Amino acid sequence: MIPEGTVNVLQRAVGWATSSFEGAPLSGAVVFGVPIGGHFFIEGFFVLVIVYLLLSKSYKPPRKPLTEEEIDQLCAEWTPESLIPPLTEEMQQDVPVLESAAGPHTTINGKEVVNFASANYLGLIGHPKLIESCTSALEKYGVGSCGPRGFYGTIDVHLDCEARIAKFLGTPDSILYSYGLSTMFSAIPAFSKKGDIIVVDEGVHWGIQNGLYLSRSSIKYFKHNDMTSLESMLEKITRENKRAKKVRRYIVIEAVYQNSGQIAPVDEIIRLKEKFHFRVLMDESNSLGVLGSSGRGISEYYKVPIDKIDIVTAAMGHALATEGGFCTGNARTIDHQRLSSSGYVFSASLPPYLASAAISAIDVLDENPVLVTKLKENIALLWAGLSDVLGLEITSNPHSPIVFLKLKNSTGFSKGDLQLLGAIAGQVLKEHAVFVVSSKRSILDKCPLPVGIKLLVSAAHSESDIQKACRAIKSVAASVLRSHG
């Protein structure tokens, strides 16, 4: 209840405010017959004040400028943000340096070692025909091309190499890239754009991961080499996404997975891609020259037509023992990349001597299918020798040139596993002169698969090389894992 005295005071105040406007010239007016009260004057005044405040500067620079001493002091106190993240202990480790060719035997720190760390699958590093081919090309063309393919960088040997690859694989056309890793992360964004859908195996290597990122497409992962997971994913996308039939849709895989040594079931993947109307992009870097009776890759291995795989890429730095990469397929697929693939359009073309070496490597493979047979025998021999290593188990495919060993009992986190595996690999090299590597990954690599020790088998390895590697790994693994408890 408001006291009576207070009510009287409020009434007198309202009366005074009303009477003050009654006689004022702006207290009221009649516009088109409509009376306007004095409160419009007050509102207009406030509008002008708001406009003034909005237009006025909120900050006035100090009238007195900073002195030189003050400027120096502020500069001395400023600490710039680091351009790179801090280096961890793992990043600072020294890697072995090869002092000779990366053949089945190489030299590290002046000591000859058996090399199971290089993807020299057919043993063509140092092959006389490749050396002769490179020498002739160097004398004729020089070292580099000094220009991209579309701007005076196309040399006749590039066209010969593209034709030779297409003929060997049975495809209409091919296109060369200057760098093996750039092939996949240039080809993917050339075909898949923002809004398109890519279904990809979770175990793909970093080059493919980078291509996925650059494409800006909608990325969906299925479980590694799990066809039930893939089919479920394709069915879900087709059912739930109303735009799925109106956008481009791709399945991205590796023929032989670099991060696990598994072989993709391409026959089943082709069935699923035809059922759900997807296209397949496949990387054959670790299957070319390896799978199939004549080394023509996974299509020969599964006896499926290569044209069932829409886009095939491969790095030439593995079985072909040269450098660069290629994409092969129908003519429209290849011609599109000549205008739309950044790695092809903007990079200096492949040095001519490397293209010449690739032609010679394919010729050697075509004339000597026994190399593929020898590689398969060596893979089987290594598998038999490593089948009972204490604390380690083989998880790769028996036909894969990448023999992958992982811990039977993980420490529970990747860093701990890598420390154990790195210790095993280090002692195998130091004590037994056998060069193997653990699957270290970049901080940019998002692959979730377990880490392990990789042995890359070559047709040039002798039986004694393989037996030596098996004895070394068994001995060191038992010692390291036993001391770890």
Protein backbone atom coordinates (compact mmCIF):
# COMPACT_ATOMS: atom_id res chain seq x y z
CA MET A 1 0.00 0.00 0.00
CA ILE A 2 1.57 3.33 -1.18
CA PRO A 3 1.40 6.05 1.52
CA GLU A 4 -1.04 8.90 0.83
CA GLY A 5 1.74 11.52 0.99
CA THR A 6 3.73 9.81 -1.72
CA VAL A 7 0.67 9.63 -3.99
CA ASN A 8 0.15 13.36 -3.59
CA VAL A 9 3.76 14.11 -4.52
CA LEU A 10 3.53 11.98 -7.71
CA GLN A 11 0.27 13.63 -8.72
CA ARG A 12 1.78 17.11 -8.32
CA ALA A 13 4.86 16.05 -10.40
CA VAL A 14 2.73 14.71 -13.26
CA GLY A 15 0.60 17.85 -13.19
CA TRP A 16 3.70 20.05 -13.41
CA ALA A 17 5.14 18.09 -16.36
CA THR A 18 1.81 18.27 -18.21
CA SER A 19 1.36 21.98 -17.63
CA SER A 20 4.94 22.72 -18.75
CA PHE A 21 4.14 21.40 -22.22
CA GLU A 22 0.68 22.89 -22.56
CA GLY A 23 1.90 26.39 -23.34
CA ALA A 24 5.10 25.47 -25.14
CA PRO A 25 5.27 26.09 -28.88
CA LEU A 26 6.27 22.48 -29.51
CA SER A 27 3.84 20.99 -27.01
CA GLY A 28 1.40 19.98 -29.64
CA ALA A 29 0.33 20.41 -33.22
CA VAL A 30 -2.35 19.30 -35.63
CA VAL A 31 -1.14 17.52 -38.77
CA PHE A 32 -3.79 16.55 -41.32
CA GLY A 33 -6.33 16.79 -38.60
CA VAL A 34 -4.39 14.53 -36.19
CA PRO A 35 -3.26 16.09 -32.87
CA ILE A 36 0.37 15.41 -31.91
CA GLY A 37 1.32 15.53 -28.23
CA GLY A 38 4.48 16.91 -26.64
CA HIS A 39 5.92 13.44 -26.04
CA PHE A 40 6.89 13.29 -29.73
CA PHE A 41 9.30 16.12 -29.08
CA ILE A 42 11.03 14.10 -26.36
CA GLU A 43 11.20 11.00 -28.56
CA GLY A 44 12.66 12.99 -31.43
CA PHE A 45 15.28 14.40 -29.11
CA PHE A 46 16.34 10.92 -28.04
CA VAL A 47 16.52 9.77 -31.68
CA LEU A 48 18.96 12.60 -32.44
CA VAL A 49 21.09 11.65 -29.43
CA ILE A 50 21.24 7.99 -30.56
CA VAL A 51 22.23 8.98 -34.11
CA TYR A 52 24.96 11.24 -32.70
CA LEU A 53 26.35 8.44 -30.53
CA LEU A 54 26.36 5.98 -33.42
CA LEU A 55 28.22 8.36 -35.72
CA SER A 56 30.73 9.58 -33.19
CA LYS A 57 34.11 7.80 -32.78
CA SER A 58 34.24 5.36 -29.90
CA TYR A 59 38.01 5.70 -29.63
CA LYS A 60 40.16 8.80 -29.71
CA PRO A 61 43.87 8.34 -30.18
CA PRO A 62 46.02 9.70 -27.41
CA ARG A 63 47.04 13.26 -27.99
CA LYS A 64 50.57 12.53 -26.86
CA PRO A 65 52.44 9.98 -29.12
CA LEU A 66 54.47 7.15 -27.58
CA THR A 67 58.14 7.89 -27.00
CA GLU A 68 60.91 5.80 -28.52
CA GLU A 69 61.63 4.27 -25.11
CA GLU A 70 57.98 3.25 -24.69
CA ILE A 71 57.90 1.71 -28.15
CA ASP A 72 61.12 -0.23 -27.46
CA GLN A 73 59.74 -1.47 -24.16
CA LEU A 74 56.50 -2.70 -25.75
CA CYS A 75 58.46 -4.49 -28.49
CA ALA A 76 60.75 -6.11 -25.91
CA GLU A 77 57.77 -7.37 -23.90
CA TRP A 78 55.94 -8.81 -26.95
CA THR A 79 56.27 -12.57 -27.46
CA PRO A 80 55.26 -13.81 -30.93
CA GLU A 81 53.21 -16.99 -31.24
CA SER A 82 55.20 -20.00 -32.50
CA LEU A 83 54.73 -20.80 -36.19
CA ILE A 84 55.06 -24.55 -35.51
CA PRO A 85 53.94 -26.82 -32.66
CA PRO A 86 56.61 -27.83 -30.14
CA LEU A 87 58.77 -30.77 -31.20
CA THR A 88 58.08 -33.97 -29.31
CA GLU A 89 60.66 -36.61 -28.50
CA GLU A 90 59.36 -38.82 -31.33
CA MET A 91 59.85 -36.02 -33.87
CA GLN A 92 63.48 -35.51 -32.86
CA GLN A 93 64.60 -39.09 -33.42
CA ASP A 94 67.24 -39.65 -36.08
CA VAL A 95 66.27 -41.88 -38.97
CA PRO A 96 68.70 -44.31 -40.63
CA VAL A 97 70.44 -42.78 -43.66
CA LEU A 98 71.10 -45.01 -46.67
CA GLU A 99 74.54 -44.61 -48.21
CA SER A 100 73.93 -46.75 -51.29
CA ALA A 101 71.07 -47.80 -53.57
CA ALA A 102 67.95 -49.09 -51.80
CA GLY A 103 68.29 -52.60 -53.19
CA PRO A 104 67.86 -55.90 -51.30
CA HIS A 105 71.12 -55.00 -49.56
CA THR A 106 72.08 -51.43 -48.72
CA THR A 107 74.61 -49.55 -46.60
CA ILE A 108 73.76 -47.71 -43.35
CA ASN A 109 76.50 -46.04 -41.28
CA GLY A 110 79.14 -47.82 -43.35
CA LYS A 111 77.63 -51.24 -42.64
CA GLU A 112 75.91 -53.51 -45.17
CA VAL A 113 72.41 -54.51 -44.09
CA VAL A 114 69.56 -56.59 -45.52
CA ASN A 115 66.90 -54.13 -46.62
CA PHE A 116 63.23 -54.88 -45.89
CA ALA A 117 62.24 -51.19 -45.71
CA SER A 118 62.10 -50.26 -49.42
CA ALA A 119 59.20 -51.03 -51.76
CA ASN A 120 61.54 -52.48 -54.39
CA TYR A 121 59.09 -55.31 -55.00
CA LEU A 122 60.52 -56.61 -58.28
CA GLY A 123 64.14 -55.86 -57.44
CA LEU A 124 64.49 -53.46 -60.38
CA ILE A 125 66.58 -50.85 -58.55
CA GLY A 126 69.93 -50.86 -60.29
CA HIS A 127 68.68 -53.04 -63.16
CA PRO A 128 71.03 -52.58 -66.18
CA LYS A 129 68.18 -51.85 -68.60
CA LEU A 130 66.79 -49.08 -66.38
CA ILE A 131 70.24 -47.53 -65.93
CA GLU A 132 70.89 -47.65 -69.68
CA SER A 133 67.49 -46.11 -70.38
CA CYS A 134 68.08 -43.29 -67.88
CA THR A 135 71.56 -42.58 -69.25
CA SER A 136 70.30 -42.31 -72.84
CA ALA A 137 67.40 -40.04 -71.80
CA LEU A 138 69.72 -37.78 -69.79
CA GLU A 139 72.02 -37.37 -72.77
CA LYS A 140 69.09 -36.60 -75.09
CA TYR A 141 66.74 -34.50 -72.90
CA GLY A 142 68.79 -33.31 -69.93
CA VAL A 143 67.50 -33.60 -66.37
CA GLY A 144 64.27 -31.62 -66.00
CA SER A 145 61.50 -30.40 -68.27
CA CYS A 146 61.24 -26.88 -66.79
CA GLY A 147 57.53 -26.54 -67.46
CA PRO A 148 54.12 -28.13 -66.82
CA ARG A 149 52.61 -30.45 -69.39
CA GLY A 150 50.23 -27.85 -70.77
CA PHE A 151 52.93 -25.20 -71.14
CA TYR A 152 55.88 -26.55 -73.15
CA GLY A 153 56.56 -29.36 -70.65
CA THR A 154 55.25 -32.25 -72.74
CA ILE A 155 58.08 -34.33 -74.23
CA ASP A 156 57.62 -37.26 -76.59
CA VAL A 157 58.82 -39.74 -73.95
CA HIS A 158 55.88 -38.69 -71.72
CA LEU A 159 53.42 -39.68 -74.43
CA ASP A 160 55.30 -42.94 -75.02
CA CYS A 161 55.15 -43.76 -71.30
CA GLU A 162 51.42 -43.03 -71.08
CA ALA A 163 50.77 -45.26 -74.08
CA ARG A 164 52.96 -48.05 -72.64
CA ILE A 165 51.11 -48.02 -69.31
CA ALA A 166 47.72 -48.11 -71.02
CA LYS A 167 48.79 -51.00 -73.24
CA PHE A 168 50.20 -52.99 -70.30
CA LEU A 169 47.05 -52.58 -68.18
CA GLY A 170 44.57 -52.87 -71.06
CA THR A 171 43.00 -49.42 -70.71
CA PRO A 172 42.26 -46.81 -73.42
CA ASP A 173 44.50 -44.04 -72.04
CA SER A 174 46.75 -42.90 -69.18
CA ILE A 175 48.08 -39.66 -67.71
CA LEU A 176 51.43 -39.09 -65.97
CA TYR A 177 51.98 -37.16 -62.76
CA SER A 178 55.30 -35.77 -61.56
CA TYR A 179 55.07 -37.16 -58.03
CA GLY A 180 53.56 -40.43 -56.87
CA LEU A 181 51.85 -39.12 -53.75
CA SER A 182 50.31 -36.17 -55.59
CA THR A 183 48.52 -38.49 -58.02
CA MET A 184 45.72 -39.50 -55.66
CA PHE A 185 45.32 -36.16 -53.90
CA SER A 186 45.08 -34.46 -57.29
CA ALA A 187 42.80 -37.02 -58.96
CA ILE A 188 40.20 -37.09 -56.18
CA PRO A 189 39.43 -33.34 -56.15
CA ALA A 190 39.49 -33.31 -59.95
CA PHE A 191 36.35 -35.48 -59.96
CA SER A 192 34.67 -34.96 -56.59
CA LYS A 193 33.58 -31.49 -55.49
CA LYS A 194 31.70 -29.85 -52.65
CA GLY A 195 28.34 -31.56 -52.17
CA ASP A 196 29.45 -34.87 -53.68
CA ILE A 197 29.65 -38.03 -51.55
CA ILE A 198 32.75 -40.16 -50.98
CA VAL A 199 32.63 -43.45 -49.07
CA VAL A 200 36.17 -44.43 -48.10
CA ASP A 201 37.95 -47.19 -46.21
CA GLU A 202 39.17 -45.91 -42.82
CA GLY A 203 42.62 -47.43 -43.43
CA VAL A 204 43.67 -45.41 -46.51
CA HIS A 205 47.08 -43.74 -46.54
CA TRP A 206 47.74 -40.03 -46.01
CA GLY A 207 47.89 -39.13 -49.72
CA ILE A 208 44.29 -40.24 -50.15
CA GLN A 209 43.26 -38.51 -46.91
CA ASN A 210 44.67 -35.25 -48.24
CA GLY A 211 42.79 -35.68 -51.51
CA LEU A 212 39.56 -36.18 -49.57
CA TYR A 213 40.18 -32.97 -47.63
CA LEU A 214 40.95 -30.97 -50.77
CA SER A 215 37.78 -32.20 -52.50
CA ARG A 216 35.54 -30.62 -49.79
CA SER A 217 33.10 -33.48 -50.43
CA SER A 218 30.94 -35.20 -47.84
CA ILE A 219 33.18 -37.99 -46.49
CA LYS A 220 31.85 -41.20 -44.95
CA TYR A 221 34.19 -43.92 -43.60
CA PHE A 222 33.50 -47.64 -43.47
CA LYS A 223 35.38 -50.17 -41.34
CA HIS A 224 38.67 -51.35 -42.75
CA ASN A 225 38.17 -53.92 -45.51
CA ASP A 226 34.74 -54.79 -44.07
CA MET A 227 32.22 -55.35 -46.86
CA THR A 228 29.30 -55.61 -44.45
CA SER A 229 30.16 -52.15 -43.17
CA LEU A 230 30.53 -50.82 -46.72
CA GLU A 231 27.19 -52.21 -47.87
CA SER A 232 25.47 -50.84 -44.79
CA MET A 233 26.99 -47.41 -45.43
CA LEU A 234 25.98 -47.37 -49.11
CA GLU A 235 22.46 -48.47 -48.26
CA LYS A 236 22.13 -45.82 -45.54
CA ILE A 237 23.33 -43.02 -47.82
CA THR A 238 21.00 -44.08 -50.63
CA ARG A 239 18.03 -44.38 -48.27
CA GLU A 240 18.46 -41.29 -46.09
CA ASN A 241 19.97 -38.75 -48.47
CA LYS A 242 17.29 -37.47 -50.82
CA ARG A 243 19.95 -35.85 -53.01
CA ALA A 244 22.10 -38.97 -53.21
CA LYS A 245 20.93 -39.89 -56.72
CA LYS A 246 21.54 -36.35 -57.98
CA VAL A 247 25.17 -35.96 -56.86
CA ARG A 248 28.37 -37.77 -57.79
CA ARG A 249 29.11 -40.71 -55.50
CA TYR A 250 32.44 -42.50 -55.10
CA ILE A 251 33.99 -45.42 -53.24
CA VAL A 252 37.71 -44.84 -52.55
CA ILE A 253 39.98 -47.79 -51.73
CA GLU A 254 43.53 -49.13 -52.04
CA ALA A 255 44.17 -52.41 -53.80
CA VAL A 256 46.82 -53.31 -51.20
CA TYR A 257 46.56 -51.14 -48.11
CA GLN A 258 49.81 -49.47 -47.15
CA ASN A 259 48.78 -49.21 -43.49
CA SER A 260 47.83 -52.88 -43.01
CA GLY A 261 48.99 -55.04 -45.92
CA GLN A 262 45.41 -56.16 -46.52
CA ILE A 263 44.08 -56.75 -50.05
CA ALA A 264 40.76 -55.15 -50.97
CA PRO A 265 38.02 -57.61 -52.12
CA VAL A 266 37.54 -55.77 -55.39
CA ASP A 267 35.13 -58.31 -56.84
CA GLU A 268 32.72 -57.66 -53.97
CA ILE A 269 33.27 -53.90 -54.14
CA ILE A 270 32.38 -53.91 -57.85
CA ARG A 271 29.17 -55.77 -57.06
CA LEU A 272 28.23 -53.16 -54.44
CA LYS A 273 29.12 -50.19 -56.61
CA GLU A 274 26.88 -51.51 -59.39
CA LYS A 275 24.07 -52.25 -56.96
CA PHE A 276 24.06 -48.76 -55.44
CA HIS A 277 25.30 -46.84 -58.51
CA PHE A 278 28.62 -45.54 -57.15
CA ARG A 279 31.95 -45.07 -58.94
CA VAL A 280 35.22 -46.60 -57.69
CA LEU A 281 38.56 -44.77 -57.33
CA MET A 282 41.38 -47.18 -56.51
CA ASP A 283 45.08 -46.76 -55.73
CA GLU A 284 47.21 -49.63 -57.08
CA SER A 285 50.59 -48.37 -55.85
CA ASN A 286 51.35 -51.57 -53.88
CA SER A 287 49.63 -54.06 -56.21
CA LEU A 288 51.02 -53.07 -59.62
CA GLY A 289 53.75 -55.53 -60.58
CA VAL A 290 52.80 -57.71 -57.61
CA LEU A 291 49.31 -59.20 -57.94
CA GLY A 292 48.12 -61.36 -60.80
CA SER A 293 50.03 -63.94 -62.78
CA SER A 294 51.84 -61.28 -64.83
CA GLY A 295 51.82 -58.41 -62.33
CA ARG A 296 48.99 -56.45 -63.95
CA GLY A 297 47.43 -55.75 -60.60
CA ILE A 298 44.28 -56.49 -58.71
CA SER A 299 41.96 -56.80 -61.73
CA GLU A 300 44.09 -59.70 -62.97
CA TYR A 301 44.26 -61.11 -59.43
CA TYR A 302 40.45 -61.27 -59.16
CA LYS A 303 39.94 -61.87 -62.90
CA VAL A 304 37.61 -58.89 -63.30
CA PRO A 305 37.68 -56.47 -66.26
CA ILE A 306 39.72 -53.38 -65.41
CA ASP A 307 37.06 -51.13 -66.93
CA LYS A 308 34.80 -52.11 -64.01
CA ILE A 309 37.07 -49.88 -61.90
CA ASP A 310 36.31 -46.32 -62.94
CA ILE A 311 39.59 -44.62 -61.97
CA VAL A 312 42.90 -46.38 -61.25
CA THR A 313 45.96 -44.56 -59.91
CA ALA A 314 49.42 -45.78 -58.91
CA ALA A 315 52.79 -44.48 -57.81
CA MET A 316 55.71 -45.65 -59.96
CA GLY A 317 58.20 -45.50 -57.09
CA HIS A 318 57.44 -49.04 -55.90
CA ALA A 319 57.53 -52.04 -58.23
CA LEU A 320 58.65 -49.97 -61.24
CA ALA A 321 61.61 -48.56 -59.27
CA THR A 322 61.33 -45.07 -60.75
CA GLU A 323 59.33 -42.00 -59.64
CA GLY A 324 56.11 -40.21 -60.51
CA GLY A 325 52.61 -41.59 -60.76
CA PHE A 326 49.85 -42.22 -63.25
CA CYS A 327 46.11 -42.49 -63.61
CA THR A 328 44.58 -44.82 -66.16
CA GLY A 329 41.07 -45.34 -67.47
CA ASN A 330 38.80 -44.31 -70.32
CA ALA A 331 39.68 -41.37 -72.56
CA ARG A 332 37.11 -38.99 -71.06
CA THR A 333 38.43 -39.63 -67.54
CA ILE A 334 41.99 -38.91 -68.65
CA ASP A 335 41.17 -35.83 -70.74
CA HIS A 336 39.25 -34.32 -67.81
CA GLN A 337 42.37 -34.47 -65.64
CA ARG A 338 44.48 -32.66 -68.24
CA LEU A 339 42.34 -29.58 -67.59
CA SER A 340 41.16 -30.04 -64.00
CA SER A 341 43.83 -31.86 -61.99
CA SER A 342 46.06 -29.43 -60.09
CA GLY A 343 48.99 -31.85 -59.77
CA TYR A 344 49.09 -32.20 -63.55
CA VAL A 345 48.23 -28.65 -64.63
CA PHE A 346 50.49 -26.69 -62.28
CA SER A 347 53.49 -28.98 -61.64
CA ALA A 348 56.57 -29.24 -63.83
CA SER A 349 56.26 -32.42 -65.84
CA LEU A 350 57.99 -35.67 -64.91
CA PRO A 351 61.74 -35.58 -65.73
CA PRO A 352 62.13 -37.40 -69.07
CA TYR A 353 64.68 -39.93 -67.78
CA LEU A 354 62.15 -41.14 -65.16
CA ALA A 355 59.49 -41.64 -67.82
CA SER A 356 62.03 -43.55 -69.89
CA ALA A 357 62.91 -45.71 -66.86
CA ALA A 358 59.24 -46.51 -66.29
CA ILE A 359 58.90 -47.72 -69.90
CA SER A 360 61.94 -49.96 -69.44
CA ALA A 361 60.63 -51.30 -66.12
CA ILE A 362 57.32 -52.31 -67.72
CA ASP A 363 59.23 -53.95 -70.58
CA VAL A 364 61.34 -55.94 -68.09
CA LEU A 365 58.21 -57.03 -66.20
CA ASP A 366 56.41 -57.96 -69.41
CA GLU A 367 59.36 -60.06 -70.59
CA ASN A 368 60.08 -61.66 -67.19
CA PRO A 369 56.86 -62.76 -65.41
CA VAL A 370 59.16 -65.02 -63.37
CA LEU A 371 59.86 -61.92 -61.24
CA VAL A 372 56.27 -62.03 -60.02
CA THR A 373 56.56 -65.72 -59.30
CA LYS A 374 59.78 -65.21 -57.34
CA LEU A 375 58.18 -62.42 -55.31
CA LYS A 376 55.26 -64.67 -54.38
CA GLU A 377 57.67 -67.40 -53.26
CA ASN A 378 59.57 -64.94 -51.07
CA ILE A 379 56.34 -63.67 -49.50
CA ALA A 380 55.30 -67.23 -48.65
CA LEU A 381 58.76 -67.97 -47.22
CA LEU A 382 58.70 -64.90 -44.99
CA TRP A 383 55.17 -65.68 -43.84
CA ALA A 384 56.22 -69.19 -42.81
CA GLY A 385 59.25 -67.87 -40.93
CA LEU A 386 57.32 -65.20 -38.99
CA SER A 387 54.20 -67.19 -38.18
CA ASP A 388 55.33 -68.01 -34.63
CA VAL A 389 57.07 -64.84 -33.39
CA LEU A 390 56.64 -64.42 -29.62
CA GLY A 391 54.30 -61.49 -28.86
CA LEU A 392 53.74 -60.54 -32.51
CA GLU A 393 51.22 -61.71 -35.10
CA ILE A 394 50.92 -61.27 -38.86
CA THR A 395 47.78 -59.34 -39.84
CA SER A 396 48.45 -58.76 -43.55
CA ASN A 397 47.14 -60.81 -46.48
CA PRO A 398 49.29 -63.87 -47.39
CA HIS A 399 49.66 -62.55 -50.97
CA SER A 400 50.58 -58.99 -49.99
CA PRO A 401 54.16 -57.74 -50.47
CA ILE A 402 53.72 -55.80 -47.22
CA VAL A 403 54.10 -58.26 -44.32
CA PHE A 404 52.62 -56.50 -41.30
CA LEU A 405 53.37 -57.55 -37.72
CA LYS A 406 51.44 -56.11 -34.79
CA LEU A 407 51.56 -56.68 -31.05
CA LYS A 408 49.38 -59.50 -29.79
CA ASN A 409 48.90 -57.58 -26.54
CA SER A 410 48.73 -53.85 -27.09
CA THR A 411 49.86 -51.45 -24.37
CA GLY A 412 46.49 -49.72 -24.76
CA PHE A 413 47.66 -46.64 -26.59
CA SER A 414 49.48 -45.99 -29.86
CA LYS A 415 52.46 -44.18 -28.34
CA GLY A 416 53.32 -47.11 -26.08
CA ASP A 417 52.98 -49.59 -28.94
CA LEU A 418 55.24 -47.49 -31.14
CA GLN A 419 57.92 -47.34 -28.45
CA LEU A 420 57.99 -51.14 -28.20
CA LEU A 421 57.91 -51.67 -31.96
CA GLY A 422 60.56 -48.98 -32.50
CA ALA A 423 62.81 -50.68 -29.94
CA ILE A 424 62.42 -54.00 -31.77
CA ALA A 425 63.16 -52.44 -35.18
CA GLY A 426 66.15 -50.52 -33.78
CA GLN A 427 67.75 -53.59 -32.21
CA VAL A 428 67.11 -55.72 -35.29
CA LEU A 429 69.10 -53.18 -37.30
CA LYS A 430 71.82 -52.60 -34.73
CA GLU A 431 72.45 -56.17 -33.63
CA HIS A 432 71.52 -58.21 -36.71
CA ALA A 433 72.00 -55.82 -39.67
CA VAL A 434 68.41 -56.24 -40.87
CA PHE A 435 66.59 -53.03 -41.81
CA VAL A 436 62.85 -53.03 -40.98
CA VAL A 437 60.56 -50.15 -40.03
CA SER A 438 57.72 -49.54 -37.61
CA SER A 439 54.63 -47.82 -39.00
CA LYS A 440 55.27 -44.30 -37.77
CA ARG A 441 52.63 -41.84 -38.91
CA SER A 442 52.54 -38.09 -39.33
CA ILE A 443 50.48 -36.02 -36.91
CA LEU A 444 48.36 -35.21 -39.97
CA ASP A 445 47.63 -38.90 -40.63
CA LYS A 446 44.18 -39.79 -39.27
CA CYS A 447 44.40 -43.55 -39.91
CA PRO A 448 42.94 -45.39 -36.86
CA LEU A 449 44.46 -48.80 -37.63
CA PRO A 450 46.90 -50.43 -35.18
CA VAL A 451 50.59 -49.66 -35.68
CA GLY A 452 53.07 -52.43 -36.41
CA ILE A 453 56.33 -53.48 -38.01
CA LYS A 454 56.37 -53.61 -41.81
CA LEU A 455 58.59 -55.81 -43.95
CA LEU A 456 58.50 -55.02 -47.67
CA VAL A 457 59.41 -58.14 -49.62
CA SER A 458 61.41 -58.06 -52.85
CA ALA A 459 61.89 -60.61 -55.61
CA ALA A 460 65.61 -59.83 -55.25
CA HIS A 461 65.79 -61.13 -51.67
CA SER A 462 67.55 -64.46 -51.34
CA GLU A 463 66.34 -67.29 -49.15
CA SER A 464 69.19 -66.60 -46.73
CA ASP A 465 68.11 -62.92 -46.51
CA ILE A 466 64.62 -63.95 -45.47
CA GLN A 467 65.82 -66.56 -42.99
CA LYS A 468 68.16 -63.99 -41.43
CA ALA A 469 65.28 -61.50 -41.01
CA CYS A 470 63.07 -64.15 -39.39
CA ARG A 471 65.77 -65.19 -36.90
CA ALA A 472 66.54 -61.56 -36.03
CA ILE A 473 62.93 -60.57 -35.40
CA LYS A 474 62.19 -63.67 -33.33
CA SER A 475 65.25 -63.14 -31.15
CA VAL A 476 64.82 -59.41 -30.59
CA ALA A 477 61.04 -59.52 -30.13
CA ALA A 478 61.37 -62.17 -27.43
CA SER A 479 64.04 -60.14 -25.64
CA VAL A 480 62.29 -56.75 -25.81
CA LEU A 481 58.80 -57.99 -24.95
CA ARG A 482 60.08 -60.19 -22.12
CA SER A 483 61.91 -57.26 -20.51
CA HIS A 484 58.80 -55.12 -20.92
CA GLY A 485 56.86 -57.69 -18.96
